[in-house]
């Protein structure tokens, strides 16, 4: 079986980085991907999807140091589903656990790069 997701998009807000048990870093990113197409009537349509990305360990440190709102990213990972109960209601989440991240658009401080 294969569970693999590949996304290229822009970070919608500064990542949330925290440290869990024993100082293990975890980062959460909201990534936007946009699809542009022309419908049957000839109208140009732009549709943006928002993805919840979770990044652990060393990659979370990279995110903490180099990723800010607007940073273009290439992400590979796996799709995960979780549930939790809040106020007596079971809620469900869909996340992508990143296994690889590539910063796109140049180095920090260069044109097109992620300035922090």
C-alpha atoms as a PDB file:
ATOM      1  CA  UNK A   1       0.000   0.000   0.000  1.00  0.00           C
ATOM      2  CA  UNK A   2       1.116   3.560  -0.708  1.00  0.00           C
ATOM      3  CA  UNK A   3       0.177   6.683   1.224  1.00  0.00           C
ATOM      4  CA  UNK A   4       2.088   9.582  -0.333  1.00  0.00           C
ATOM      5  CA  UNK A   5       1.180  13.230  -0.785  1.00  0.00           C
ATOM      6  CA  UNK A   6       3.165  15.805  -2.776  1.00  0.00           C
ATOM      7  CA  UNK A   7       2.230  19.483  -2.534  1.00  0.00           C
ATOM      8  CA  UNK A   8       3.720  22.725  -3.802  1.00  0.00           C
ATOM      9  CA  UNK A   9       2.235  25.851  -2.320  1.00  0.00           C
ATOM     10  CA  UNK A  10       2.652  28.930  -0.155  1.00  0.00           C
ATOM     11  CA  UNK A  11       2.568  29.134   3.624  1.00  0.00           C
ATOM     12  CA  UNK A  12      -0.539  31.032   4.738  1.00  0.00           C
ATOM     13  CA  UNK A  13       0.649  32.130   8.206  1.00  0.00           C
ATOM     14  CA  UNK A  14       3.796  31.931  10.298  1.00  0.00           C
ATOM     15  CA  UNK A  15       4.268  28.309  11.416  1.00  0.00           C
ATOM     16  CA  UNK A  16       3.374  27.299  14.955  1.00  0.00           C
ATOM     17  CA  UNK A  17       6.387  25.566  16.519  1.00  0.00           C
ATOM     18  CA  UNK A  18       6.271  23.965  19.947  1.00  0.00           C
ATOM     19  CA  UNK A  19       8.239  21.428  21.915  1.00  0.00           C
ATOM     20  CA  UNK A  20       6.556  18.325  23.285  1.00  0.00           C
ATOM     21  CA  UNK A  21       7.907  15.686  25.686  1.00  0.00           C
ATOM     22  CA  UNK A  22      11.681  15.569  26.047  1.00  0.00           C
ATOM     23  CA  UNK A  23      12.143  18.673  23.889  1.00  0.00           C
ATOM     24  CA  UNK A  24      10.899  17.071  20.678  1.00  0.00           C
ATOM     25  CA  UNK A  25      10.039  19.884  18.202  1.00  0.00           C
ATOM     26  CA  UNK A  26       6.827  19.826  16.181  1.00  0.00           C
ATOM     27  CA  UNK A  27       5.724  22.473  13.686  1.00  0.00           C
ATOM     28  CA  UNK A  28       2.298  23.078  12.181  1.00  0.00           C
ATOM     29  CA  UNK A  29       1.954  24.802   8.821  1.00  0.00           C
ATOM     30  CA  UNK A  30      -1.091  25.938   6.830  1.00  0.00           C
ATOM     31  CA  UNK A  31      -0.199  25.505   3.154  1.00  0.00           C
ATOM     32  CA  UNK A  32      -2.251  26.950   0.292  1.00  0.00           C
ATOM     33  CA  UNK A  33      -2.326  25.343  -3.131  1.00  0.00           C
ATOM     34  CA  UNK A  34      -4.130  27.081  -5.981  1.00  0.00           C
ATOM     35  CA  UNK A  35      -5.565  25.534  -9.116  1.00  0.00           C
ATOM     36  CA  UNK A  36      -6.324  27.785 -12.075  1.00  0.00           C
ATOM     37  CA  UNK A  37      -8.538  26.584 -14.892  1.00  0.00           C
ATOM     38  CA  UNK A  38     -11.123  27.688 -17.439  1.00  0.00           C
ATOM     39  CA  UNK A  39     -14.679  26.402 -17.048  1.00  0.00           C
ATOM     40  CA  UNK A  40     -17.068  25.378 -19.837  1.00  0.00           C
ATOM     41  CA  UNK A  41     -18.280  28.982 -20.245  1.00  0.00           C
ATOM     42  CA  UNK A  42     -14.716  30.220 -20.767  1.00  0.00           C
ATOM     43  CA  UNK A  43     -14.497  31.919 -17.357  1.00  0.00           C
ATOM     44  CA  UNK A  44     -11.159  31.732 -15.593  1.00  0.00           C
ATOM     45  CA  UNK A  45     -11.522  30.061 -12.199  1.00  0.00           C
ATOM     46  CA  UNK A  46      -8.998  30.109  -9.354  1.00  0.00           C
ATOM     47  CA  UNK A  47      -9.592  27.648  -6.506  1.00  0.00           C
ATOM     48  CA  UNK A  48      -7.427  27.586  -3.373  1.00  0.00           C
ATOM     49  CA  UNK A  49      -7.249  24.587  -1.035  1.00  0.00           C
ATOM     50  CA  UNK A  50      -5.785  24.813   2.480  1.00  0.00           C
ATOM     51  CA  UNK A  51      -3.759  21.906   3.877  1.00  0.00           C
ATOM     52  CA  UNK A  52      -2.724  21.215   7.474  1.00  0.00           C
ATOM     53  CA  UNK A  53       0.906  20.107   7.594  1.00  0.00           C
ATOM     54  CA  UNK A  54       2.655  18.597  10.640  1.00  0.00           C
ATOM     55  CA  UNK A  55       6.453  18.498  10.751  1.00  0.00           C
ATOM     56  CA  UNK A  56       8.550  16.685  13.390  1.00  0.00           C
ATOM     57  CA  UNK A  57      12.142  16.647  14.671  1.00  0.00           C
ATOM     58  CA  UNK A  58      14.896  18.114  12.457  1.00  0.00           C
ATOM     59  CA  UNK A  59      12.490  19.277   9.768  1.00  0.00           C
ATOM     60  CA  UNK A  60      10.560  21.192  12.436  1.00  0.00           C
ATOM     61  CA  UNK A  61      13.800  23.014  13.312  1.00  0.00           C
ATOM     62  CA  UNK A  62      14.237  23.950   9.632  1.00  0.00           C
ATOM     63  CA  UNK A  63      10.671  25.253   9.575  1.00  0.00           C
ATOM     64  CA  UNK A  64      11.298  27.258  12.747  1.00  0.00           C
ATOM     65  CA  UNK A  65      14.424  28.880  11.274  1.00  0.00           C
ATOM     66  CA  UNK A  66      13.479  29.482   7.647  1.00  0.00           C
ATOM     67  CA  UNK A  67       9.733  29.349   7.032  1.00  0.00           C
ATOM     68  CA  UNK A  68       7.415  32.344   7.414  1.00  0.00           C
ATOM     69  CA  UNK A  69       4.101  33.449   5.946  1.00  0.00           C
ATOM     70  CA  UNK A  70       4.331  33.482   2.146  1.00  0.00           C
ATOM     71  CA  UNK A  71       7.260  31.037   1.885  1.00  0.00           C
ATOM     72  CA  UNK A  72       6.849  28.771  -1.149  1.00  0.00           C
ATOM     73  CA  UNK A  73       7.365  25.103  -0.184  1.00  0.00           C
ATOM     74  CA  UNK A  74       7.572  21.662  -1.747  1.00  0.00           C
ATOM     75  CA  UNK A  75       6.261  19.074   0.711  1.00  0.00           C
ATOM     76  CA  UNK A  76       6.192  15.285   0.607  1.00  0.00           C
ATOM     77  CA  UNK A  77       4.440  13.315   3.285  1.00  0.00           C
ATOM     78  CA  UNK A  78       1.638  10.992   4.225  1.00  0.00           C
ATOM     79  CA  UNK A  79      -2.040  11.614   4.797  1.00  0.00           C
ATOM     80  CA  UNK A  80      -3.291  11.009   8.342  1.00  0.00           C
ATOM     81  CA  UNK A  81      -6.714  11.135   9.949  1.00  0.00           C
ATOM     82  CA  UNK A  82      -7.289  11.766  13.654  1.00  0.00           C
ATOM     83  CA  UNK A  83     -10.261  12.228  15.928  1.00  0.00           C
ATOM     84  CA  UNK A  84     -10.764  13.818  19.314  1.00  0.00           C
ATOM     85  CA  UNK A  85     -13.678  14.659  21.549  1.00  0.00           C
ATOM     86  CA  UNK A  86     -14.532  18.217  22.570  1.00  0.00           C
ATOM     87  CA  UNK A  87     -17.669  19.259  24.416  1.00  0.00           C
ATOM     88  CA  UNK A  88     -19.090  15.765  23.939  1.00  0.00           C
ATOM     89  CA  UNK A  89     -18.714  15.962  20.154  1.00  0.00           C
ATOM     90  CA  UNK A  90     -16.287  13.799  18.200  1.00  0.00           C
ATOM     91  CA  UNK A  91     -14.285  15.936  15.799  1.00  0.00           C
ATOM     92  CA  UNK A  92     -12.137  14.728  12.913  1.00  0.00           C
ATOM     93  CA  UNK A  93      -8.982  16.195  11.399  1.00  0.00           C
ATOM     94  CA  UNK A  94      -7.049  15.472   8.240  1.00  0.00           C
ATOM     95  CA  UNK A  95      -3.325  16.301   8.253  1.00  0.00           C
ATOM     96  CA  UNK A  96      -0.260  15.671   6.172  1.00  0.00           C
ATOM     97  CA  UNK A  97       2.758  14.495   8.146  1.00  0.00           C
ATOM     98  CA  UNK A  98       5.732  15.857   6.196  1.00  0.00           C
ATOM     99  CA  UNK A  99       8.700  13.583   5.528  1.00  0.00           C
ATOM    100  CA  UNK A 100      10.492  16.005   3.185  1.00  0.00           C
ATOM    101  CA  UNK A 101      10.417  19.778   2.786  1.00  0.00           C
ATOM    102  CA  UNK A 102      12.180  21.890   0.174  1.00  0.00           C
ATOM    103  CA  UNK A 103      12.300  25.667   0.389  1.00  0.00           C
ATOM    104  CA  UNK A 104      11.525  27.159  -3.024  1.00  0.00           C
ATOM    105  CA  UNK A 105      12.359  30.575  -4.419  1.00  0.00           C
ATOM    106  CA  UNK A 106      15.909  31.231  -3.225  1.00  0.00           C
ATOM    107  CA  UNK A 107      17.702  31.651   0.065  1.00  0.00           C
ATOM    108  CA  UNK A 108      16.660  33.764   3.000  1.00  0.00           C
ATOM    109  CA  UNK A 109      17.262  37.418   2.183  1.00  0.00           C
ATOM    110  CA  UNK A 110      17.436  36.928  -1.595  1.00  0.00           C
ATOM    111  CA  UNK A 111      14.757  38.076  -4.015  1.00  0.00           C
ATOM    112  CA  UNK A 112      11.953  35.511  -4.014  1.00  0.00           C
ATOM    113  CA  UNK A 113      13.214  33.887  -0.819  1.00  0.00           C
ATOM    114  CA  UNK A 114      11.725  33.741   2.621  1.00  0.00           C
ATOM    115  CA  UNK A 115      12.691  36.741   4.714  1.00  0.00           C
ATOM    116  CA  UNK A 116      12.440  36.306   8.429  1.00  0.00           C
END
